[in-house]
N, C-alpha and C. Protein backbone atom coordinates (compact mmCIF):
# COMPACT_ATOMS: atom_id res chain seq x y z
N UNK A 1 64.59 -22.74 37.18
CA UNK A 1 65.11 -22.73 38.53
C UNK A 1 63.95 -22.74 39.53
N UNK A 2 64.04 -23.58 40.56
CA UNK A 2 62.94 -23.79 41.48
C UNK A 2 62.58 -22.54 42.28
N UNK A 3 63.56 -21.82 42.78
CA UNK A 3 63.32 -20.65 43.63
C UNK A 3 63.24 -19.35 42.85
N UNK A 4 63.15 -19.43 41.54
CA UNK A 4 63.07 -18.21 40.73
C UNK A 4 61.81 -17.44 41.09
N UNK A 5 61.92 -16.13 41.14
CA UNK A 5 60.77 -15.29 41.50
C UNK A 5 59.91 -15.05 40.27
N UNK A 6 58.65 -15.32 40.44
CA UNK A 6 57.65 -15.03 39.40
C UNK A 6 56.53 -14.25 40.07
N UNK A 7 55.66 -13.71 39.27
CA UNK A 7 54.53 -12.98 39.82
C UNK A 7 53.66 -13.92 40.67
N UNK A 8 53.45 -15.13 40.17
CA UNK A 8 52.64 -16.11 40.89
C UNK A 8 53.28 -16.46 42.24
N UNK A 9 54.61 -16.57 42.26
CA UNK A 9 55.33 -16.88 43.50
C UNK A 9 55.16 -15.72 44.50
N UNK A 10 55.23 -14.48 44.02
CA UNK A 10 55.03 -13.33 44.90
C UNK A 10 53.62 -13.32 45.50
N UNK A 11 52.62 -13.64 44.69
CA UNK A 11 51.24 -13.70 45.18
C UNK A 11 51.11 -14.79 46.25
N UNK A 12 51.75 -15.92 46.01
CA UNK A 12 51.72 -17.02 46.98
C UNK A 12 52.38 -16.62 48.30
N UNK A 13 53.54 -15.96 48.23
CA UNK A 13 54.24 -15.49 49.43
C UNK A 13 53.38 -14.46 50.16
N UNK A 14 52.75 -13.56 49.42
CA UNK A 14 51.88 -12.55 50.01
C UNK A 14 50.75 -13.20 50.79
N UNK A 15 50.09 -14.18 50.17
CA UNK A 15 48.96 -14.86 50.84
C UNK A 15 49.43 -15.58 52.10
N UNK A 16 50.58 -16.23 52.00
CA UNK A 16 51.12 -16.95 53.15
C UNK A 16 51.51 -15.98 54.28
N UNK A 17 52.14 -14.88 53.91
CA UNK A 17 52.58 -13.89 54.91
C UNK A 17 51.38 -13.25 55.58
N UNK A 18 50.35 -12.95 54.79
CA UNK A 18 49.15 -12.31 55.32
C UNK A 18 48.37 -13.25 56.23
N UNK A 19 48.37 -14.53 55.90
CA UNK A 19 47.52 -15.48 56.61
C UNK A 19 48.17 -16.21 57.76
N UNK A 20 49.47 -16.00 58.01
CA UNK A 20 50.11 -16.75 59.08
C UNK A 20 50.74 -15.81 60.11
N UNK A 21 50.83 -16.31 61.35
CA UNK A 21 51.41 -15.50 62.41
C UNK A 21 52.94 -15.46 62.33
N UNK A 22 53.60 -16.62 62.15
CA UNK A 22 55.07 -16.56 62.05
C UNK A 22 55.52 -16.06 60.68
N UNK A 23 56.77 -15.65 60.62
CA UNK A 23 57.34 -15.22 59.34
C UNK A 23 57.41 -16.40 58.38
N UNK A 24 57.14 -16.13 57.13
CA UNK A 24 57.27 -17.14 56.10
C UNK A 24 58.75 -17.32 55.80
N UNK A 25 59.18 -18.57 55.64
CA UNK A 25 60.58 -18.84 55.31
C UNK A 25 60.81 -18.49 53.84
N UNK A 26 61.76 -17.59 53.59
CA UNK A 26 62.12 -17.21 52.23
C UNK A 26 63.55 -17.68 51.96
N UNK A 27 63.89 -17.85 50.70
CA UNK A 27 65.26 -18.25 50.38
C UNK A 27 66.21 -17.11 50.78
N UNK A 28 67.44 -17.45 51.13
CA UNK A 28 68.38 -16.46 51.66
C UNK A 28 68.69 -15.34 50.67
N UNK A 29 68.60 -15.64 49.38
CA UNK A 29 68.88 -14.61 48.37
C UNK A 29 67.60 -14.05 47.75
N UNK A 30 66.54 -14.01 48.55
CA UNK A 30 65.23 -13.52 48.09
C UNK A 30 65.33 -12.11 47.51
N UNK A 31 66.02 -11.23 48.22
CA UNK A 31 66.11 -9.83 47.78
C UNK A 31 66.78 -9.72 46.40
N UNK A 32 67.85 -10.48 46.20
CA UNK A 32 68.55 -10.45 44.92
C UNK A 32 67.66 -11.00 43.80
N UNK A 33 66.92 -12.06 44.11
CA UNK A 33 66.02 -12.65 43.10
C UNK A 33 64.88 -11.69 42.76
N UNK A 34 64.40 -10.97 43.75
CA UNK A 34 63.34 -9.98 43.50
C UNK A 34 63.89 -8.87 42.60
N UNK A 35 65.11 -8.40 42.91
CA UNK A 35 65.73 -7.36 42.08
C UNK A 35 65.86 -7.84 40.63
N UNK A 36 66.32 -9.07 40.45
CA UNK A 36 66.49 -9.64 39.11
C UNK A 36 65.14 -9.72 38.39
N UNK A 37 64.12 -10.13 39.09
CA UNK A 37 62.77 -10.21 38.52
C UNK A 37 62.30 -8.82 38.06
N UNK A 38 62.48 -7.81 38.92
CA UNK A 38 62.04 -6.45 38.58
C UNK A 38 62.83 -5.89 37.40
N UNK A 39 64.14 -6.14 37.39
CA UNK A 39 64.98 -5.67 36.27
C UNK A 39 64.53 -6.31 34.97
N UNK A 40 64.21 -7.60 35.01
CA UNK A 40 63.75 -8.32 33.81
C UNK A 40 62.45 -7.72 33.28
N UNK A 41 61.52 -7.43 34.17
CA UNK A 41 60.24 -6.84 33.75
C UNK A 41 60.46 -5.45 33.13
N UNK A 42 61.34 -4.66 33.75
CA UNK A 42 61.64 -3.33 33.21
C UNK A 42 62.31 -3.43 31.84
N UNK A 43 63.15 -4.44 31.70
CA UNK A 43 63.84 -4.64 30.42
C UNK A 43 62.84 -4.99 29.32
N UNK A 44 61.88 -5.83 29.62
CA UNK A 44 60.84 -6.19 28.64
C UNK A 44 60.07 -4.95 28.22
N UNK A 45 59.73 -4.10 29.17
CA UNK A 45 58.98 -2.88 28.88
C UNK A 45 59.81 -1.95 28.00
N UNK A 46 61.08 -1.77 28.34
CA UNK A 46 61.98 -0.89 27.57
C UNK A 46 62.18 -1.39 26.14
N UNK A 47 62.38 -2.69 25.99
CA UNK A 47 62.66 -3.26 24.66
C UNK A 47 61.49 -3.11 23.70
N UNK A 48 60.30 -3.11 24.23
CA UNK A 48 59.15 -3.04 23.34
C UNK A 48 58.57 -1.63 23.21
N UNK A 49 59.25 -0.64 23.79
CA UNK A 49 58.77 0.74 23.72
C UNK A 49 58.73 1.29 22.31
N UNK A 50 59.79 1.10 21.59
CA UNK A 50 59.93 1.73 20.26
C UNK A 50 59.64 0.77 19.12
N UNK A 51 58.64 -0.07 19.30
CA UNK A 51 58.31 -1.00 18.22
C UNK A 51 56.85 -0.82 17.81
N UNK A 52 56.60 -1.14 16.56
CA UNK A 52 55.23 -1.05 16.05
C UNK A 52 54.54 -2.41 16.09
N UNK A 53 55.28 -3.43 16.49
CA UNK A 53 54.78 -4.80 16.53
C UNK A 53 53.70 -4.93 17.62
N UNK A 54 52.50 -5.35 17.23
CA UNK A 54 51.37 -5.49 18.16
C UNK A 54 51.66 -6.53 19.24
N UNK A 55 52.35 -7.60 18.83
CA UNK A 55 52.68 -8.66 19.79
C UNK A 55 53.59 -8.11 20.88
N UNK A 56 54.60 -7.31 20.49
CA UNK A 56 55.53 -6.71 21.45
C UNK A 56 54.82 -5.72 22.35
N UNK A 57 53.90 -4.95 21.78
CA UNK A 57 53.15 -3.98 22.59
C UNK A 57 52.27 -4.69 23.61
N UNK A 58 51.70 -5.82 23.23
CA UNK A 58 50.86 -6.60 24.14
C UNK A 58 51.71 -7.15 25.30
N UNK A 59 52.89 -7.67 24.96
CA UNK A 59 53.82 -8.19 25.99
C UNK A 59 54.23 -7.06 26.92
N UNK A 60 54.52 -5.88 26.36
CA UNK A 60 54.91 -4.73 27.16
C UNK A 60 53.79 -4.30 28.09
N UNK A 61 52.58 -4.27 27.60
CA UNK A 61 51.43 -3.88 28.41
C UNK A 61 51.22 -4.84 29.57
N UNK A 62 51.34 -6.14 29.28
CA UNK A 62 51.19 -7.15 30.35
C UNK A 62 52.33 -7.02 31.36
N UNK A 63 53.55 -6.80 30.87
CA UNK A 63 54.71 -6.66 31.76
C UNK A 63 54.56 -5.42 32.65
N UNK A 64 54.05 -4.32 32.07
CA UNK A 64 53.85 -3.09 32.83
C UNK A 64 52.82 -3.31 33.95
N UNK A 65 51.72 -3.97 33.61
CA UNK A 65 50.67 -4.25 34.59
C UNK A 65 51.20 -5.20 35.68
N UNK A 66 51.94 -6.22 35.26
CA UNK A 66 52.50 -7.18 36.21
C UNK A 66 53.51 -6.50 37.14
N UNK A 67 54.33 -5.63 36.58
CA UNK A 67 55.33 -4.90 37.38
C UNK A 67 54.64 -4.03 38.43
N UNK A 68 53.61 -3.31 38.01
CA UNK A 68 52.88 -2.44 38.93
C UNK A 68 52.28 -3.25 40.07
N UNK A 69 51.65 -4.36 39.75
CA UNK A 69 51.04 -5.22 40.78
C UNK A 69 52.10 -5.88 41.66
N UNK A 70 53.21 -6.29 41.06
CA UNK A 70 54.29 -6.93 41.83
C UNK A 70 54.87 -5.96 42.85
N UNK A 71 55.06 -4.71 42.46
CA UNK A 71 55.58 -3.70 43.39
C UNK A 71 54.62 -3.48 44.55
N UNK A 72 53.33 -3.45 44.25
CA UNK A 72 52.32 -3.29 45.30
C UNK A 72 52.34 -4.50 46.24
N UNK A 73 52.42 -5.68 45.70
CA UNK A 73 52.45 -6.91 46.51
C UNK A 73 53.73 -6.96 47.36
N UNK A 74 54.85 -6.58 46.77
CA UNK A 74 56.12 -6.59 47.52
C UNK A 74 56.05 -5.64 48.72
N UNK A 75 55.46 -4.47 48.51
CA UNK A 75 55.30 -3.53 49.63
C UNK A 75 54.48 -4.16 50.75
N UNK A 76 53.42 -4.86 50.38
CA UNK A 76 52.56 -5.51 51.37
C UNK A 76 53.30 -6.64 52.08
N UNK A 77 54.07 -7.43 51.33
CA UNK A 77 54.85 -8.52 51.93
C UNK A 77 55.80 -7.95 52.97
N UNK A 78 56.53 -6.90 52.60
CA UNK A 78 57.49 -6.32 53.53
C UNK A 78 56.80 -5.62 54.70
N UNK A 79 55.63 -5.07 54.47
CA UNK A 79 54.86 -4.47 55.57
C UNK A 79 54.49 -5.55 56.59
N UNK A 80 53.95 -6.68 56.12
CA UNK A 80 53.58 -7.76 57.04
C UNK A 80 54.81 -8.30 57.77
N UNK A 81 55.91 -8.45 57.05
CA UNK A 81 57.13 -8.97 57.68
C UNK A 81 57.68 -8.00 58.72
N UNK A 82 57.70 -6.72 58.41
CA UNK A 82 58.18 -5.72 59.36
C UNK A 82 57.30 -5.69 60.62
N UNK A 83 55.99 -5.80 60.43
CA UNK A 83 55.06 -5.81 61.56
C UNK A 83 55.34 -7.01 62.46
N UNK A 84 55.57 -8.17 61.85
CA UNK A 84 55.86 -9.38 62.63
C UNK A 84 57.19 -9.26 63.36
N UNK A 85 58.18 -8.68 62.72
CA UNK A 85 59.50 -8.49 63.34
C UNK A 85 59.38 -7.51 64.50
N UNK A 86 58.65 -6.42 64.31
CA UNK A 86 58.43 -5.44 65.37
C UNK A 86 57.74 -6.10 66.57
N UNK A 87 56.70 -6.87 66.31
CA UNK A 87 55.98 -7.56 67.39
C UNK A 87 56.87 -8.57 68.10
N UNK A 88 57.72 -9.25 67.34
CA UNK A 88 58.63 -10.23 67.93
C UNK A 88 59.65 -9.53 68.84
N UNK A 89 60.17 -8.39 68.40
CA UNK A 89 61.13 -7.63 69.21
C UNK A 89 60.45 -7.12 70.47
N UNK A 90 59.25 -6.60 70.34
CA UNK A 90 58.49 -6.09 71.49
C UNK A 90 58.23 -7.20 72.49
N UNK A 91 57.81 -8.36 72.01
CA UNK A 91 57.56 -9.51 72.88
C UNK A 91 58.85 -9.95 73.58
N UNK A 92 59.96 -9.95 72.85
CA UNK A 92 61.24 -10.35 73.44
C UNK A 92 61.66 -9.41 74.55
N UNK A 93 61.44 -8.11 74.37
CA UNK A 93 61.79 -7.13 75.40
C UNK A 93 60.86 -7.28 76.61
N UNK A 94 59.58 -7.42 76.36
CA UNK A 94 58.61 -7.53 77.45
C UNK A 94 58.83 -8.77 78.30
N UNK A 95 59.13 -9.88 77.66
CA UNK A 95 59.29 -11.15 78.38
C UNK A 95 60.74 -11.39 78.79
N UNK A 96 61.62 -10.48 78.37
CA UNK A 96 63.05 -10.60 78.62
C UNK A 96 63.60 -11.94 78.11
N UNK A 97 63.02 -12.41 77.04
CA UNK A 97 63.47 -13.66 76.43
C UNK A 97 64.15 -13.36 75.11
N UNK A 98 65.22 -14.07 74.84
CA UNK A 98 65.91 -13.88 73.57
C UNK A 98 65.20 -14.68 72.49
N UNK A 99 65.18 -14.12 71.30
CA UNK A 99 64.58 -14.84 70.19
C UNK A 99 65.49 -16.01 69.83
N UNK A 100 64.90 -17.14 69.62
CA UNK A 100 65.67 -18.34 69.33
C UNK A 100 65.73 -18.63 67.84
N UNK A 101 64.70 -18.22 67.10
CA UNK A 101 64.60 -18.63 65.70
C UNK A 101 64.74 -17.45 64.75
N UNK A 102 65.97 -17.22 64.30
CA UNK A 102 66.22 -16.18 63.29
C UNK A 102 66.09 -16.74 61.88
N UNK A 103 65.90 -18.04 61.77
CA UNK A 103 65.95 -18.72 60.47
C UNK A 103 65.03 -18.13 59.40
N UNK A 104 63.76 -17.82 59.74
CA UNK A 104 62.90 -17.28 58.67
C UNK A 104 63.26 -15.85 58.24
N UNK A 105 64.15 -15.18 58.99
CA UNK A 105 64.48 -13.80 58.67
C UNK A 105 65.57 -13.71 57.61
N UNK A 106 65.41 -12.75 56.73
CA UNK A 106 66.47 -12.42 55.78
C UNK A 106 67.57 -11.68 56.55
N UNK A 107 68.75 -11.60 56.00
CA UNK A 107 69.88 -10.96 56.68
C UNK A 107 69.54 -9.53 57.10
N UNK A 108 68.96 -8.75 56.20
CA UNK A 108 68.61 -7.37 56.53
C UNK A 108 67.52 -7.30 57.59
N UNK A 109 66.66 -8.33 57.65
CA UNK A 109 65.61 -8.37 58.67
C UNK A 109 66.19 -8.70 60.04
N UNK A 110 67.23 -9.51 60.08
CA UNK A 110 67.91 -9.81 61.36
C UNK A 110 68.49 -8.52 61.93
N UNK A 111 69.09 -7.70 61.07
CA UNK A 111 69.65 -6.42 61.52
C UNK A 111 68.53 -5.50 62.00
N UNK A 112 67.42 -5.48 61.27
CA UNK A 112 66.26 -4.69 61.67
C UNK A 112 65.77 -5.13 63.04
N UNK A 113 65.63 -6.44 63.25
CA UNK A 113 65.19 -6.96 64.54
C UNK A 113 66.13 -6.52 65.65
N UNK A 114 67.43 -6.68 65.44
CA UNK A 114 68.42 -6.33 66.46
C UNK A 114 68.37 -4.84 66.80
N UNK A 115 68.22 -3.99 65.77
CA UNK A 115 68.13 -2.54 66.01
C UNK A 115 66.87 -2.18 66.78
N UNK A 116 65.75 -2.76 66.39
CA UNK A 116 64.48 -2.48 67.08
C UNK A 116 64.57 -2.99 68.51
N UNK A 117 65.10 -4.20 68.69
CA UNK A 117 65.21 -4.78 70.02
C UNK A 117 66.06 -3.87 70.92
N UNK A 118 67.21 -3.43 70.40
CA UNK A 118 68.10 -2.56 71.18
C UNK A 118 67.40 -1.28 71.60
N UNK A 119 66.69 -0.65 70.67
CA UNK A 119 65.97 0.59 70.98
C UNK A 119 64.88 0.36 72.03
N UNK A 120 64.11 -0.70 71.84
CA UNK A 120 63.04 -1.00 72.79
C UNK A 120 63.61 -1.35 74.17
N UNK A 121 64.71 -2.09 74.19
CA UNK A 121 65.33 -2.48 75.45
C UNK A 121 65.83 -1.25 76.21
N UNK A 122 66.53 -0.36 75.49
CA UNK A 122 67.02 0.87 76.12
C UNK A 122 65.86 1.71 76.64
N UNK A 123 64.81 1.81 75.85
CA UNK A 123 63.64 2.57 76.26
C UNK A 123 62.99 1.96 77.49
N UNK A 124 62.92 0.64 77.53
CA UNK A 124 62.34 -0.05 78.68
C UNK A 124 63.16 0.22 79.94
N UNK A 125 64.49 0.25 79.80
CA UNK A 125 65.37 0.54 80.94
C UNK A 125 65.11 1.95 81.46
N UNK A 126 64.98 2.90 80.55
CA UNK A 126 64.72 4.29 80.94
C UNK A 126 63.38 4.38 81.66
N UNK A 127 62.36 3.76 81.09
CA UNK A 127 61.04 3.81 81.72
C UNK A 127 61.06 3.15 83.09
N UNK A 128 61.76 2.04 83.20
CA UNK A 128 61.85 1.34 84.49
C UNK A 128 62.51 2.22 85.53
N UNK A 129 63.58 2.92 85.13
CA UNK A 129 64.28 3.77 86.10
C UNK A 129 63.44 4.99 86.48
N UNK A 130 62.67 5.52 85.54
CA UNK A 130 61.81 6.66 85.83
C UNK A 130 60.70 6.24 86.80
N UNK A 131 60.20 5.04 86.62
CA UNK A 131 59.11 4.55 87.47
C UNK A 131 59.59 4.14 88.85
N UNK A 132 60.89 3.91 88.98
CA UNK A 132 61.45 3.56 90.28
C UNK A 132 61.45 4.82 91.14
N UNK A 133 60.73 4.81 92.24
CA UNK A 133 60.52 6.04 93.02
C UNK A 133 61.79 6.66 93.57
N UNK A 134 62.66 5.91 94.20
CA UNK A 134 63.80 6.52 94.88
C UNK A 134 65.00 6.72 93.97
N UNK A 135 65.25 5.85 93.06
CA UNK A 135 66.39 6.00 92.15
C UNK A 135 67.72 6.26 92.86
N UNK A 136 67.89 5.63 94.01
CA UNK A 136 69.17 5.78 94.71
C UNK A 136 69.28 7.05 95.54
N UNK A 137 68.23 7.85 95.63
CA UNK A 137 68.28 9.11 96.40
C UNK A 137 67.28 9.00 97.54
N UNK A 138 67.72 9.26 98.76
CA UNK A 138 66.84 9.30 99.92
C UNK A 138 66.16 10.66 99.92
N UNK A 139 64.85 10.67 99.85
CA UNK A 139 64.14 11.94 99.74
C UNK A 139 64.11 12.70 101.05
N UNK A 140 63.97 12.02 102.18
CA UNK A 140 63.91 12.70 103.48
C UNK A 140 65.26 13.34 103.78
N UNK A 141 65.27 14.63 103.99
CA UNK A 141 66.49 15.34 104.34
C UNK A 141 67.49 15.41 103.20
N UNK A 142 67.13 14.94 102.02
CA UNK A 142 68.00 14.99 100.84
C UNK A 142 69.39 14.39 101.09
N UNK A 143 69.43 13.28 101.83
CA UNK A 143 70.68 12.57 102.05
C UNK A 143 70.90 11.66 100.85
N UNK A 144 72.05 11.75 100.22
CA UNK A 144 72.31 11.01 98.99
C UNK A 144 72.98 9.67 99.27
N UNK A 145 72.57 8.65 98.51
CA UNK A 145 73.22 7.35 98.58
C UNK A 145 74.27 7.28 97.49
N UNK A 146 75.28 6.49 97.73
CA UNK A 146 76.27 6.23 96.69
C UNK A 146 77.12 7.43 96.38
N UNK A 147 77.45 7.58 95.12
CA UNK A 147 78.40 8.61 94.67
C UNK A 147 77.70 9.81 94.04
N UNK A 148 76.67 10.33 94.68
CA UNK A 148 75.96 11.49 94.15
C UNK A 148 76.58 12.78 94.68
N UNK A 149 76.64 13.80 93.82
CA UNK A 149 77.16 15.10 94.24
C UNK A 149 76.21 16.19 93.76
N UNK A 150 76.28 17.32 94.44
CA UNK A 150 75.44 18.46 94.08
C UNK A 150 76.23 19.37 93.15
N UNK A 151 75.57 19.83 92.07
CA UNK A 151 76.23 20.70 91.10
C UNK A 151 75.35 21.90 90.78
N UNK A 152 75.99 22.97 90.28
CA UNK A 152 75.27 24.12 89.73
C UNK A 152 75.57 24.15 88.24
N UNK A 153 74.54 24.22 87.46
CA UNK A 153 74.68 24.20 86.00
C UNK A 153 75.10 25.58 85.53
N UNK A 154 76.16 25.64 84.70
CA UNK A 154 76.60 26.93 84.17
C UNK A 154 76.34 27.05 82.67
N UNK A 155 75.92 25.95 82.05
CA UNK A 155 75.53 25.97 80.64
C UNK A 155 74.44 24.93 80.45
N UNK A 156 73.42 25.26 79.68
CA UNK A 156 72.27 24.38 79.45
C UNK A 156 72.73 22.96 79.11
N UNK A 157 72.04 21.94 79.70
CA UNK A 157 72.36 20.54 79.45
C UNK A 157 71.08 19.85 78.98
N UNK A 158 71.17 19.19 77.83
CA UNK A 158 70.01 18.46 77.30
C UNK A 158 69.90 17.11 78.03
N UNK A 159 68.71 16.47 78.01
CA UNK A 159 68.55 15.19 78.71
C UNK A 159 69.50 14.13 78.12
N UNK A 160 69.97 13.24 79.00
CA UNK A 160 70.82 12.14 78.57
C UNK A 160 70.59 10.95 79.48
N UNK A 161 70.92 9.76 78.98
CA UNK A 161 70.81 8.53 79.76
C UNK A 161 72.22 8.13 80.18
N UNK A 162 72.40 7.87 81.46
CA UNK A 162 73.71 7.48 81.99
C UNK A 162 73.78 5.96 82.12
N UNK A 163 74.95 5.44 82.50
CA UNK A 163 75.20 4.00 82.63
C UNK A 163 74.20 3.31 83.53
N UNK A 164 73.67 4.02 84.51
CA UNK A 164 72.72 3.43 85.46
C UNK A 164 71.31 3.30 84.87
N UNK A 165 71.14 3.74 83.60
CA UNK A 165 69.85 3.63 82.94
C UNK A 165 68.89 4.77 83.24
N UNK A 166 69.30 5.71 84.10
CA UNK A 166 68.44 6.85 84.45
C UNK A 166 68.59 7.97 83.44
N UNK A 167 67.53 8.73 83.31
CA UNK A 167 67.57 9.92 82.47
C UNK A 167 67.90 11.10 83.37
N UNK A 168 68.90 11.88 83.00
CA UNK A 168 69.29 13.09 83.72
C UNK A 168 69.02 14.28 82.81
N UNK A 169 68.46 15.33 83.37
CA UNK A 169 68.20 16.53 82.60
C UNK A 169 66.76 16.57 82.15
N UNK A 170 66.44 17.61 81.45
CA UNK A 170 67.28 18.74 81.04
C UNK A 170 67.54 19.67 82.23
N UNK A 171 68.66 20.39 82.13
CA UNK A 171 69.03 21.34 83.18
C UNK A 171 69.24 22.71 82.55
N UNK A 172 68.72 23.75 83.23
CA UNK A 172 68.89 25.13 82.76
C UNK A 172 70.07 25.76 83.47
N UNK A 173 70.58 26.85 82.89
CA UNK A 173 71.68 27.60 83.49
C UNK A 173 71.28 28.05 84.89
N UNK A 174 72.22 27.93 85.86
CA UNK A 174 72.07 28.30 87.27
C UNK A 174 71.19 27.35 88.08
N UNK A 175 70.71 26.29 87.47
CA UNK A 175 69.92 25.29 88.19
C UNK A 175 70.86 24.39 89.00
N UNK A 176 70.40 23.93 90.17
CA UNK A 176 71.17 22.99 90.97
C UNK A 176 70.60 21.60 90.76
N UNK A 177 71.49 20.60 90.77
CA UNK A 177 71.05 19.22 90.52
C UNK A 177 71.93 18.24 91.29
N UNK A 178 71.41 17.04 91.49
CA UNK A 178 72.14 15.94 92.10
C UNK A 178 72.52 14.98 90.96
N UNK A 179 73.82 14.74 90.81
CA UNK A 179 74.30 13.87 89.73
C UNK A 179 75.31 12.86 90.28
N UNK A 180 75.44 11.71 89.60
CA UNK A 180 76.50 10.79 89.98
C UNK A 180 77.85 11.50 89.86
N UNK A 181 78.76 11.18 90.75
CA UNK A 181 80.06 11.85 90.79
C UNK A 181 80.77 11.79 89.44
N UNK A 182 80.74 10.63 88.79
CA UNK A 182 81.41 10.45 87.50
C UNK A 182 80.83 11.41 86.44
N UNK A 183 79.49 11.53 86.42
CA UNK A 183 78.82 12.44 85.48
C UNK A 183 79.24 13.88 85.78
N UNK A 184 79.22 14.23 87.08
CA UNK A 184 79.58 15.60 87.48
C UNK A 184 80.99 15.94 87.04
N UNK A 185 81.92 14.99 87.19
CA UNK A 185 83.31 15.23 86.78
C UNK A 185 83.42 15.47 85.28
N UNK A 186 82.70 14.66 84.50
CA UNK A 186 82.72 14.82 83.03
C UNK A 186 82.14 16.18 82.63
N UNK A 187 81.00 16.53 83.23
CA UNK A 187 80.36 17.80 82.90
C UNK A 187 81.20 18.99 83.37
N UNK A 188 81.93 18.81 84.48
CA UNK A 188 82.82 19.86 84.97
C UNK A 188 83.96 20.09 83.98
N UNK A 189 84.52 19.00 83.44
CA UNK A 189 85.59 19.11 82.44
C UNK A 189 85.10 19.81 81.18
N UNK A 190 83.82 19.62 80.87
CA UNK A 190 83.23 20.26 79.68
C UNK A 190 82.72 21.66 79.97
N UNK A 191 83.02 22.18 81.18
CA UNK A 191 82.57 23.51 81.61
C UNK A 191 81.06 23.68 81.54
N UNK A 192 80.35 22.63 81.95
CA UNK A 192 78.89 22.69 81.98
C UNK A 192 78.35 22.87 83.40
N UNK A 193 79.14 22.41 84.41
CA UNK A 193 78.69 22.51 85.80
C UNK A 193 79.84 22.90 86.72
N UNK A 194 79.45 23.34 87.92
CA UNK A 194 80.41 23.58 89.01
C UNK A 194 79.96 22.67 90.14
N UNK A 195 80.87 21.90 90.69
CA UNK A 195 80.54 21.03 91.82
C UNK A 195 80.48 21.91 93.07
N UNK A 196 79.36 21.79 93.81
CA UNK A 196 79.20 22.64 95.02
C UNK A 196 79.07 21.78 96.27
């Protein structure tokens, strides 16, 4: 079979992954083929364990060495691929551009990219809102814009991110704070604040 995984094929993929900037295109069932390859090597080792045959022991020794090296190479391949996926997600968030080419990614790598992208995007929104000086609040005279209300905290509140992308909290008991009206209503229902 042309796409069958062999030790030589793994070494070739490793060299290509290490030496190139884009992800190397792998067959869609790469993970399953790798599992089958590893199971086969383990089976060879197991079958020749309890034999006195020198030929079988030699095959077992070679299979054991090949398995050890293959596992090391696979870790490196996945390390390089994860690094490239992380960098791609970071670049996509920074440039606010969507990735166009998912083709070289395995199915599980697409999920990894999407999860990393979502986390980085949310984090970027939080940082952007923190860096925004006014955040919808007029500092002079503490006149509030929009639907902000003043509350007194009656139970400790851990930091949270609201729909507007801002981080609110942490708040200690008896502390006063300015919160969006909707947030204040929810926290009031949970007996965390009193609207004042």
